[in-house]
Full PDB file with SEQRES, HELIX, SHEET, SSBOND, CRYST1, ORIGX, SCALE, CONECT and MASTER records, all heavy atoms in Angstrom:
SEQRES   1 A   34  VAL LEU VAL ALA ILE GLY ARG THR ALA GLU LEU ALA GLN          
SEQRES   2 A   34  SER SER LEU ARG LEU SER LEU GLY ARG ASP ASN THR GLU          
SEQRES   3 A   34  LYS GLU ILE THR GLN VAL LEU GLU                              
HELIX    1 AA1 ALA A    9  ALA A   12  1                                   4    
HELIX    2 AA2 GLU A   26  LEU A   33  1                                   8    
CRYST1    1.000    1.000    1.000  90.00  90.00  90.00 P 1           1          
ORIGX1      1.000000  0.000000  0.000000        0.00000                         
ORIGX2      0.000000  1.000000  0.000000        0.00000                         
ORIGX3      0.000000  0.000000  1.000000        0.00000                         
SCALE1      1.000000  0.000000  0.000000        0.00000                         
SCALE2      0.000000  1.000000  0.000000        0.00000                         
SCALE3      0.000000  0.000000  1.000000        0.00000                         
ATOM      1  N   VAL A   1      21.288  21.219  -0.988  1.00  0.00           N  
ATOM      2  CA  VAL A   1      20.031  21.674  -1.574  1.00  0.00           C  
ATOM      3  C   VAL A   1      18.916  20.668  -1.285  1.00  0.00           C  
ATOM      4  O   VAL A   1      17.811  21.044  -0.856  1.00  0.00           O  
ATOM      5  CB  VAL A   1      20.187  21.893  -3.089  1.00  0.00           C  
ATOM      6  CG1 VAL A   1      18.837  22.253  -3.716  1.00  0.00           C  
ATOM      7  CG2 VAL A   1      21.215  22.972  -3.374  1.00  0.00           C  
ATOM      8  N   LEU A   2      19.199  19.396  -1.508  1.00  0.00           N  
ATOM      9  CA  LEU A   2      18.185  18.366  -1.291  1.00  0.00           C  
ATOM     10  C   LEU A   2      17.840  18.218   0.193  1.00  0.00           C  
ATOM     11  O   LEU A   2      16.679  17.996   0.550  1.00  0.00           O  
ATOM     12  CB  LEU A   2      18.650  17.030  -1.878  1.00  0.00           C  
ATOM     13  CG  LEU A   2      18.850  17.035  -3.401  1.00  0.00           C  
ATOM     14  CD1 LEU A   2      19.284  15.654  -3.879  1.00  0.00           C  
ATOM     15  CD2 LEU A   2      17.585  17.474  -4.128  1.00  0.00           C  
ATOM     16  N   VAL A   3      18.836  18.345   1.047  1.00  0.00           N  
ATOM     17  CA  VAL A   3      18.569  18.307   2.489  1.00  0.00           C  
ATOM     18  C   VAL A   3      17.701  19.498   2.878  1.00  0.00           C  
ATOM     19  O   VAL A   3      16.777  19.383   3.698  1.00  0.00           O  
ATOM     20  CB  VAL A   3      19.895  18.299   3.277  1.00  0.00           C  
ATOM     21  CG1 VAL A   3      19.625  18.473   4.768  1.00  0.00           C  
ATOM     22  CG2 VAL A   3      20.649  16.989   3.027  1.00  0.00           C  
ATOM     23  N   ALA A   4      17.955  20.656   2.263  1.00  0.00           N  
ATOM     24  CA  ALA A   4      17.194  21.862   2.588  1.00  0.00           C  
ATOM     25  C   ALA A   4      15.721  21.739   2.210  1.00  0.00           C  
ATOM     26  O   ALA A   4      14.859  22.358   2.852  1.00  0.00           O  
ATOM     27  CB  ALA A   4      17.805  23.074   1.883  1.00  0.00           C  
ATOM     28  N   ILE A   5      15.410  20.962   1.167  1.00  0.00           N  
ATOM     29  CA  ILE A   5      14.007  20.799   0.780  1.00  0.00           C  
ATOM     30  C   ILE A   5      13.353  19.613   1.478  1.00  0.00           C  
ATOM     31  O   ILE A   5      12.216  19.251   1.156  1.00  0.00           O  
ATOM     32  CB  ILE A   5      13.839  20.680  -0.754  1.00  0.00           C  
ATOM     33  CG1 ILE A   5      14.504  19.416  -1.294  1.00  0.00           C  
ATOM     34  CG2 ILE A   5      14.371  21.928  -1.447  1.00  0.00           C  
ATOM     35  CD1 ILE A   5      14.194  19.148  -2.770  1.00  0.00           C  
ATOM     36  N   GLY A   6      14.072  19.007   2.430  1.00  0.00           N  
ATOM     37  CA  GLY A   6      13.460  17.984   3.260  1.00  0.00           C  
ATOM     38  C   GLY A   6      13.785  16.554   2.913  1.00  0.00           C  
ATOM     39  O   GLY A   6      13.255  15.627   3.552  1.00  0.00           O  
ATOM     40  N   ARG A   7      14.646  16.325   1.943  1.00  0.00           N  
ATOM     41  CA  ARG A   7      15.047  14.949   1.639  1.00  0.00           C  
ATOM     42  C   ARG A   7      15.966  14.433   2.742  1.00  0.00           C  
ATOM     43  O   ARG A   7      16.797  15.177   3.265  1.00  0.00           O  
ATOM     44  CB  ARG A   7      15.767  14.866   0.296  1.00  0.00           C  
ATOM     45  CG  ARG A   7      14.965  15.332  -0.905  1.00  0.00           C  
ATOM     46  CD  ARG A   7      13.686  14.551  -1.088  1.00  0.00           C  
ATOM     47  NE  ARG A   7      13.008  14.899  -2.329  1.00  0.00           N  
ATOM     48  CZ  ARG A   7      11.727  14.696  -2.561  1.00  0.00           C  
ATOM     49  NH1 ARG A   7      10.963  14.134  -1.615  1.00  0.00           N  
ATOM     50  NH2 ARG A   7      11.184  15.025  -3.705  1.00  0.00           N  
ATOM     51  N   THR A   8      15.819  13.167   3.075  1.00  0.00           N  
ATOM     52  CA  THR A   8      16.741  12.563   4.029  1.00  0.00           C  
ATOM     53  C   THR A   8      18.122  12.463   3.390  1.00  0.00           C  
ATOM     54  O   THR A   8      18.256  12.493   2.156  1.00  0.00           O  
ATOM     55  CB  THR A   8      16.279  11.158   4.422  1.00  0.00           C  
ATOM     56  OG1 THR A   8      16.323  10.307   3.260  1.00  0.00           O  
ATOM     57  CG2 THR A   8      14.873  11.180   5.002  1.00  0.00           C  
ATOM     58  N   ALA A   9      19.144  12.337   4.219  1.00  0.00           N  
ATOM     59  CA  ALA A   9      20.508  12.215   3.691  1.00  0.00           C  
ATOM     60  C   ALA A   9      20.615  11.000   2.776  1.00  0.00           C  
ATOM     61  O   ALA A   9      21.267  11.055   1.724  1.00  0.00           O  
ATOM     62  CB  ALA A   9      21.502  12.119   4.843  1.00  0.00           C  
ATOM     63  N   GLU A  10      19.952   9.924   3.158  1.00  0.00           N  
ATOM     64  CA  GLU A  10      19.996   8.697   2.359  1.00  0.00           C  
ATOM     65  C   GLU A  10      19.347   8.903   0.995  1.00  0.00           C  
ATOM     66  O   GLU A  10      19.906   8.526  -0.040  1.00  0.00           O  
ATOM     67  CB  GLU A  10      19.294   7.561   3.097  1.00  0.00           C  
ATOM     68  CG  GLU A  10      19.276   6.233   2.349  1.00  0.00           C  
ATOM     69  CD  GLU A  10      18.557   5.153   3.124  1.00  0.00           C  
ATOM     70  OE1 GLU A  10      19.068   4.765   4.199  1.00  0.00           O  
ATOM     71  OE2 GLU A  10      17.486   4.704   2.682  1.00  0.00           O  
ATOM     72  N   LEU A  11      18.178   9.525   0.981  1.00  0.00           N  
ATOM     73  CA  LEU A  11      17.482   9.744  -0.282  1.00  0.00           C  
ATOM     74  C   LEU A  11      18.241  10.758  -1.144  1.00  0.00           C  
ATOM     75  O   LEU A  11      18.310  10.611  -2.375  1.00  0.00           O  
ATOM     76  CB  LEU A  11      16.056  10.225  -0.026  1.00  0.00           C  
ATOM     77  CG  LEU A  11      15.098  10.249  -1.229  1.00  0.00           C  
ATOM     78  CD1 LEU A  11      15.001   8.867  -1.869  1.00  0.00           C  
ATOM     79  CD2 LEU A  11      13.722  10.739  -0.803  1.00  0.00           C  
ATOM     80  N   ALA A  12      18.833  11.743  -0.496  1.00  0.00           N  
ATOM     81  CA  ALA A  12      19.593  12.755  -1.241  1.00  0.00           C  
ATOM     82  C   ALA A  12      20.779  12.133  -1.974  1.00  0.00           C  
ATOM     83  O   ALA A  12      21.181  12.613  -3.042  1.00  0.00           O  
ATOM     84  CB  ALA A  12      20.070  13.852  -0.306  1.00  0.00           C  
ATOM     85  N   GLN A  13      21.326  11.053  -1.427  1.00  0.00           N  
ATOM     86  CA  GLN A  13      22.468  10.394  -2.069  1.00  0.00           C  
ATOM     87  C   GLN A  13      22.076   9.649  -3.331  1.00  0.00           C  
ATOM     88  O   GLN A  13      22.938   9.181  -4.074  1.00  0.00           O  
ATOM     89  CB  GLN A  13      23.125   9.416  -1.079  1.00  0.00           C  
ATOM     90  CG  GLN A  13      23.764  10.067   0.126  1.00  0.00           C  
ATOM     91  CD  GLN A  13      25.139  10.648  -0.163  1.00  0.00           C  
ATOM     92  OE1 GLN A  13      25.476  10.932  -1.297  1.00  0.00           O  
ATOM     93  NE2 GLN A  13      25.944  10.828   0.875  1.00  0.00           N  
ATOM     94  N   SER A  14      20.781   9.541  -3.605  1.00  0.00           N  
ATOM     95  CA  SER A  14      20.314   8.808  -4.780  1.00  0.00           C  
ATOM     96  C   SER A  14      19.906   9.740  -5.912  1.00  0.00           C  
ATOM     97  O   SER A  14      19.282   9.310  -6.878  1.00  0.00           O  
ATOM     98  CB  SER A  14      19.106   7.940  -4.403  1.00  0.00           C  
ATOM     99  OG  SER A  14      17.944   8.738  -4.194  1.00  0.00           O  
ATOM    100  N   SER A  15      20.258  11.009  -5.828  1.00  0.00           N  
ATOM    101  CA  SER A  15      19.744  11.976  -6.791  1.00  0.00           C  
ATOM    102  C   SER A  15      20.366  11.820  -8.175  1.00  0.00           C  
ATOM    103  O   SER A  15      21.511  11.382  -8.336  1.00  0.00           O  
ATOM    104  CB  SER A  15      19.977  13.406  -6.284  1.00  0.00           C  
ATOM    105  OG  SER A  15      21.361  13.698  -6.245  1.00  0.00           O  
ATOM    106  N   LEU A  16      19.578  12.187  -9.159  1.00  0.00           N  
ATOM    107  CA  LEU A  16      20.008  12.195 -10.550  1.00  0.00           C  
ATOM    108  C   LEU A  16      19.524  13.483 -11.196  1.00  0.00           C  
ATOM    109  O   LEU A  16      18.328  13.783 -11.155  1.00  0.00           O  
ATOM    110  CB  LEU A  16      19.426  10.990 -11.303  1.00  0.00           C  
ATOM    111  CG  LEU A  16      19.653  10.969 -12.823  1.00  0.00           C  
ATOM    112  CD1 LEU A  16      21.133  10.741 -13.145  1.00  0.00           C  
ATOM    113  CD2 LEU A  16      18.796   9.895 -13.484  1.00  0.00           C  
ATOM    114  N   ARG A  17      20.453  14.245 -11.776  1.00  0.00           N  
ATOM    115  CA  ARG A  17      20.092  15.464 -12.494  1.00  0.00           C  
ATOM    116  C   ARG A  17      20.324  15.260 -13.987  1.00  0.00           C  
ATOM    117  O   ARG A  17      21.419  14.875 -14.406  1.00  0.00           O  
ATOM    118  CB  ARG A  17      20.917  16.659 -12.019  1.00  0.00           C  
ATOM    119  CG  ARG A  17      20.520  17.973 -12.695  1.00  0.00           C  
ATOM    120  CD  ARG A  17      21.424  19.127 -12.289  1.00  0.00           C  
ATOM    121  NE  ARG A  17      22.783  18.982 -12.798  1.00  0.00           N  
ATOM    122  CZ  ARG A  17      23.777  19.829 -12.561  1.00  0.00           C  
ATOM    123  NH1 ARG A  17      23.554  20.874 -11.780  1.00  0.00           N  
ATOM    124  NH2 ARG A  17      24.996  19.623 -13.050  1.00  0.00           N  
ATOM    125  N   LEU A  18      19.284  15.496 -14.757  1.00  0.00           N  
ATOM    126  CA  LEU A  18      19.367  15.466 -16.213  1.00  0.00           C  
ATOM    127  C   LEU A  18      19.094  16.884 -16.696  1.00  0.00           C  
ATOM    128  O   LEU A  18      17.982  17.389 -16.537  1.00  0.00           O  
ATOM    129  CB  LEU A  18      18.338  14.495 -16.801  1.00  0.00           C  
ATOM    130  CG  LEU A  18      18.385  13.048 -16.274  1.00  0.00           C  
ATOM    131  CD1 LEU A  18      17.177  12.269 -16.768  1.00  0.00           C  
ATOM    132  CD2 LEU A  18      19.683  12.368 -16.703  1.00  0.00           C  
ATOM    133  N   SER A  19      20.095  17.540 -17.253  1.00  0.00           N  
ATOM    134  CA  SER A  19      19.918  18.931 -17.692  1.00  0.00           C  
ATOM    135  C   SER A  19      20.091  19.007 -19.210  1.00  0.00           C  
ATOM    136  O   SER A  19      21.123  18.637 -19.755  1.00  0.00           O  
ATOM    137  CB  SER A  19      20.889  19.869 -16.972  1.00  0.00           C  
ATOM    138  OG  SER A  19      22.211  19.380 -17.000  1.00  0.00           O  
ATOM    139  N   LEU A  20      19.047  19.483 -19.845  1.00  0.00           N  
ATOM    140  CA  LEU A  20      18.937  19.475 -21.303  1.00  0.00           C  
ATOM    141  C   LEU A  20      19.569  20.697 -21.945  1.00  0.00           C  
ATOM    142  O   LEU A  20      19.844  21.694 -21.276  1.00  0.00           O  
ATOM    143  CB  LEU A  20      17.463  19.397 -21.691  1.00  0.00           C  
ATOM    144  CG  LEU A  20      16.747  18.127 -21.218  1.00  0.00           C  
ATOM    145  CD1 LEU A  20      15.315  18.432 -20.831  1.00  0.00           C  
ATOM    146  CD2 LEU A  20      16.819  17.054 -22.283  1.00  0.00           C  
ATOM    147  N   GLY A  21      19.757  20.608 -23.264  1.00  0.00           N  
ATOM    148  CA  GLY A  21      20.331  21.717 -24.008  1.00  0.00           C  
ATOM    149  C   GLY A  21      19.821  21.764 -25.432  1.00  0.00           C  
ATOM    150  O   GLY A  21      18.962  20.975 -25.836  1.00  0.00           O  
ATOM    151  N   ARG A  22      20.384  22.676 -26.196  1.00  0.00           N  
ATOM    152  CA  ARG A  22      19.888  22.941 -27.550  1.00  0.00           C  
ATOM    153  C   ARG A  22      20.072  21.762 -28.502  1.00  0.00           C  
ATOM    154  O   ARG A  22      19.367  21.657 -29.512  1.00  0.00           O  
ATOM    155  CB  ARG A  22      20.559  24.198 -28.120  1.00  0.00           C  
ATOM    156  CG  ARG A  22      22.053  24.082 -28.320  1.00  0.00           C  
ATOM    157  CD  ARG A  22      22.683  25.451 -28.637  1.00  0.00           C  
ATOM    158  NE  ARG A  22      22.065  26.077 -29.786  1.00  0.00           N  
ATOM    159  CZ  ARG A  22      22.468  25.885 -31.035  1.00  0.00           C  
ATOM    160  NH1 ARG A  22      23.454  25.045 -31.296  1.00  0.00           N  
ATOM    161  NH2 ARG A  22      21.875  26.512 -32.040  1.00  0.00           N  
ATOM    162  N   ASP A  23      21.030  20.885 -28.238  1.00  0.00           N  
ATOM    163  CA  ASP A  23      21.325  19.796 -29.156  1.00  0.00           C  
ATOM    164  C   ASP A  23      20.573  18.502 -28.844  1.00  0.00           C  
ATOM    165  O   ASP A  23      20.672  17.537 -29.621  1.00  0.00           O  
ATOM    166  CB  ASP A  23      22.831  19.508 -29.167  1.00  0.00           C  
ATOM    167  CG  ASP A  23      23.644  20.686 -29.680  1.00  0.00           C  
ATOM    168  OD1 ASP A  23      23.162  21.365 -30.606  1.00  0.00           O  
ATOM    169  OD2 ASP A  23      24.749  20.927 -29.160  1.00  0.00           O  
ATOM    170  N   ASN A  24      19.858  18.449 -27.727  1.00  0.00           N  
ATOM    171  CA  ASN A  24      19.147  17.220 -27.378  1.00  0.00           C  
ATOM    172  C   ASN A  24      17.924  17.006 -28.261  1.00  0.00           C  
ATOM    173  O   ASN A  24      17.314  17.962 -28.743  1.00  0.00           O  
ATOM    174  CB  ASN A  24      18.743  17.235 -25.906  1.00  0.00           C  
ATOM    175  CG  ASN A  24      19.932  17.144 -24.980  1.00  0.00           C  
ATOM    176  OD1 ASN A  24      20.156  18.024 -24.148  1.00  0.00           O  
ATOM    177  ND2 ASN A  24      20.741  16.096 -25.106  1.00  0.00           N  
ATOM    178  N   THR A  25      17.571  15.733 -28.476  1.00  0.00           N  
ATOM    179  CA  THR A  25      16.500  15.375 -29.406  1.00  0.00           C  
ATOM    180  C   THR A  25      15.479  14.449 -28.753  1.00  0.00           C  
ATOM    181  O   THR A  25      15.743  13.839 -27.705  1.00  0.00           O  
ATOM    182  CB  THR A  25      17.076  14.653 -30.636  1.00  0.00           C  
ATOM    183  OG1 THR A  25      17.651  13.388 -30.213  1.00  0.00           O  
ATOM    184  CG2 THR A  25      18.151  15.486 -31.321  1.00  0.00           C  
ATOM    185  N   GLU A  26      14.330  14.322 -29.393  1.00  0.00           N  
ATOM    186  CA  GLU A  26      13.289  13.399 -28.943  1.00  0.00           C  
ATOM    187  C   GLU A  26      13.813  11.958 -28.949  1.00  0.00           C  
ATOM    188  O   GLU A  26      13.503  11.169 -28.045  1.00  0.00           O  
ATOM    189  CB  GLU A  26      12.061  13.508 -29.861  1.00  0.00           C  
ATOM    190  CG  GLU A  26      11.303  14.818 -29.760  1.00  0.00           C  
ATOM    191  CD  GLU A  26      10.338  14.852 -28.583  1.00  0.00           C  
ATOM    192  OE1 GLU A  26      10.299  13.871 -27.800  1.00  0.00           O  
ATOM    193  OE2 GLU A  26       9.631  15.864 -28.445  1.00  0.00           O  
ATOM    194  N   LYS A  27      14.600  11.623 -29.944  1.00  0.00           N  
ATOM    195  CA  LYS A  27      15.161  10.272 -30.033  1.00  0.00           C  
ATOM    196  C   LYS A  27      16.033   9.960 -28.819  1.00  0.00           C  
ATOM    197  O   LYS A  27      16.002   8.844 -28.289  1.00  0.00           O  
ATOM    198  CB  LYS A  27      15.974  10.135 -31.321  1.00  0.00           C  
ATOM    199  CG  LYS A  27      16.546   8.749 -31.561  1.00  0.00           C  
ATOM    200  CD  LYS A  27      17.320   8.693 -32.878  1.00  0.00           C  
ATOM    201  CE  LYS A  27      17.925   7.305 -33.092  1.00  0.00           C  
ATOM    202  NZ  LYS A  27      18.702   7.251 -34.377  1.00  0.00           N  
ATOM    203  N   GLU A  28      16.799  10.950 -28.393  1.00  0.00           N  
ATOM    204  CA  GLU A  28      17.647  10.743 -27.225  1.00  0.00           C  
ATOM    205  C   GLU A  28      16.813  10.522 -25.968  1.00  0.00           C  
ATOM    206  O   GLU A  28      17.154   9.678 -25.123  1.00  0.00           O  
ATOM    207  CB  GLU A  28      18.575  11.941 -27.038  1.00  0.00           C  
ATOM    208  CG  GLU A  28      19.651  12.053 -28.105  1.00  0.00           C  
ATOM    209  CD  GLU A  28      20.539  13.261 -27.913  1.00  0.00           C  
ATOM    210  OE1 GLU A  28      20.088  14.247 -27.280  1.00  0.00           O  
ATOM    211  OE2 GLU A  28      21.685  13.242 -28.392  1.00  0.00           O  
ATOM    212  N   ILE A  29      15.732  11.267 -25.836  1.00  0.00           N  
ATOM    213  CA  ILE A  29      14.870  11.105 -24.664  1.00  0.00           C  
ATOM    214  C   ILE A  29      14.254   9.713 -24.660  1.00  0.00           C  
ATOM    215  O   ILE A  29      14.150   9.067 -23.604  1.00  0.00           O  
ATOM    216  CB  ILE A  29      13.773  12.191 -24.642  1.00  0.00           C  
ATOM    217  CG1 ILE A  29      14.408  13.584 -24.609  1.00  0.00           C  
ATOM    218  CG2 ILE A  29      12.848  11.985 -23.439  1.00  0.00           C  
ATOM    219  CD1 ILE A  29      15.448  13.798 -23.547  1.00  0.00           C  
ATOM    220  N   THR A  30      13.863   9.230 -25.822  1.00  0.00           N  
ATOM    221  CA  THR A  30      13.332   7.865 -25.927  1.00  0.00           C  
ATOM    222  C   THR A  30      14.369   6.856 -25.441  1.00  0.00           C  
ATOM    223  O   THR A  30      14.046   5.926 -24.674  1.00  0.00           O  
ATOM    224  CB  THR A  30      12.950   7.545 -27.389  1.00  0.00           C  
ATOM    225  OG1 THR A  30      11.908   8.429 -27.802  1.00  0.00           O  
ATOM    226  CG2 THR A  30      12.488   6.101 -27.536  1.00  0.00           C  
ATOM    227  N   GLN A  31      15.617   7.046 -25.828  1.00  0.00           N  
ATOM    228  CA  GLN A  31      16.678   6.120 -25.416  1.00  0.00           C  
ATOM    229  C   GLN A  31      16.911   6.178 -23.908  1.00  0.00           C  
ATOM    230  O   GLN A  31      17.117   5.145 -23.265  1.00  0.00           O  
ATOM    231  CB  GLN A  31      17.969   6.435 -26.165  1.00  0.00           C  
ATOM    232  CG  GLN A  31      19.065   5.397 -25.948  1.00  0.00           C  
ATOM    233  CD  GLN A  31      20.235   5.596 -26.885  1.00  0.00           C  
ATOM    234  OE1 GLN A  31      20.091   6.208 -27.960  1.00  0.00           O  
ATOM    235  NE2 GLN A  31      21.400   5.088 -26.505  1.00  0.00           N  
ATOM    236  N   VAL A  32      16.868   7.382 -23.345  1.00  0.00           N  
ATOM    237  CA  VAL A  32      17.046   7.517 -21.892  1.00  0.00           C  
ATOM    238  C   VAL A  32      15.928   6.794 -21.155  1.00  0.00           C  
ATOM    239  O   VAL A  32      16.166   6.062 -20.173  1.00  0.00           O  
ATOM    240  CB  VAL A  32      17.092   8.998 -21.486  1.00  0.00           C  
ATOM    241  CG1 VAL A  32      17.063   9.141 -19.960  1.00  0.00           C  
ATOM    242  CG2 VAL A  32      18.326   9.675 -22.062  1.00  0.00           C  
ATOM    243  N   LEU A  33      14.697   6.963 -21.614  1.00  0.00           N  
ATOM    244  CA  LEU A  33      13.550   6.340 -20.952  1.00  0.00           C  
ATOM    245  C   LEU A  33      13.521   4.823 -21.155  1.00  0.00           C  
ATOM    246  O   LEU A  33      12.888   4.102 -20.376  1.00  0.00           O  
ATOM    247  CB  LEU A  33      12.250   6.971 -21.459  1.00  0.00           C  
ATOM    248  CG  LEU A  33      12.035   8.430 -21.041  1.00  0.00           C  
ATOM    249  CD1 LEU A  33      10.778   9.002 -21.698  1.00  0.00           C  
ATOM    250  CD2 LEU A  33      11.932   8.548 -19.521  1.00  0.00           C  
ATOM    251  N   GLU A  34      14.214   4.343 -22.159  1.00  0.00           N  
ATOM    252  CA  GLU A  34      14.344   2.899 -22.355  1.00  0.00           C  
ATOM    253  C   GLU A  34      15.472   2.314 -21.511  1.00  0.00           C  
ATOM    254  O   GLU A  34      15.481   1.121 -21.238  1.00  0.00           O  
ATOM    255  CB  GLU A  34      14.601   2.596 -23.839  1.00  0.00           C  
ATOM    256  CG  GLU A  34      13.409   2.828 -24.752  1.00  0.00           C  
ATOM    257  CD  GLU A  34      13.757   2.643 -26.222  1.00  0.00           C  
ATOM    258  OE1 GLU A  34      14.969   2.552 -26.544  1.00  0.00           O  
ATOM    259  OE2 GLU A  34      12.832   2.627 -27.051  1.00  0.00           O  
TER     260      GLU A  34                                                      
MASTER        0    0    0    2    0    0    0    6  259    1    0    3          
END                                                                             
């Protein structure tokens, strides 16, 4: 998918997906960003 949108193979290997749900909170997002 990342190669298809033009990312190099090297950059594609650095990907991070964060997928949220009903139980996630603002406090958790603060902790992730810290």
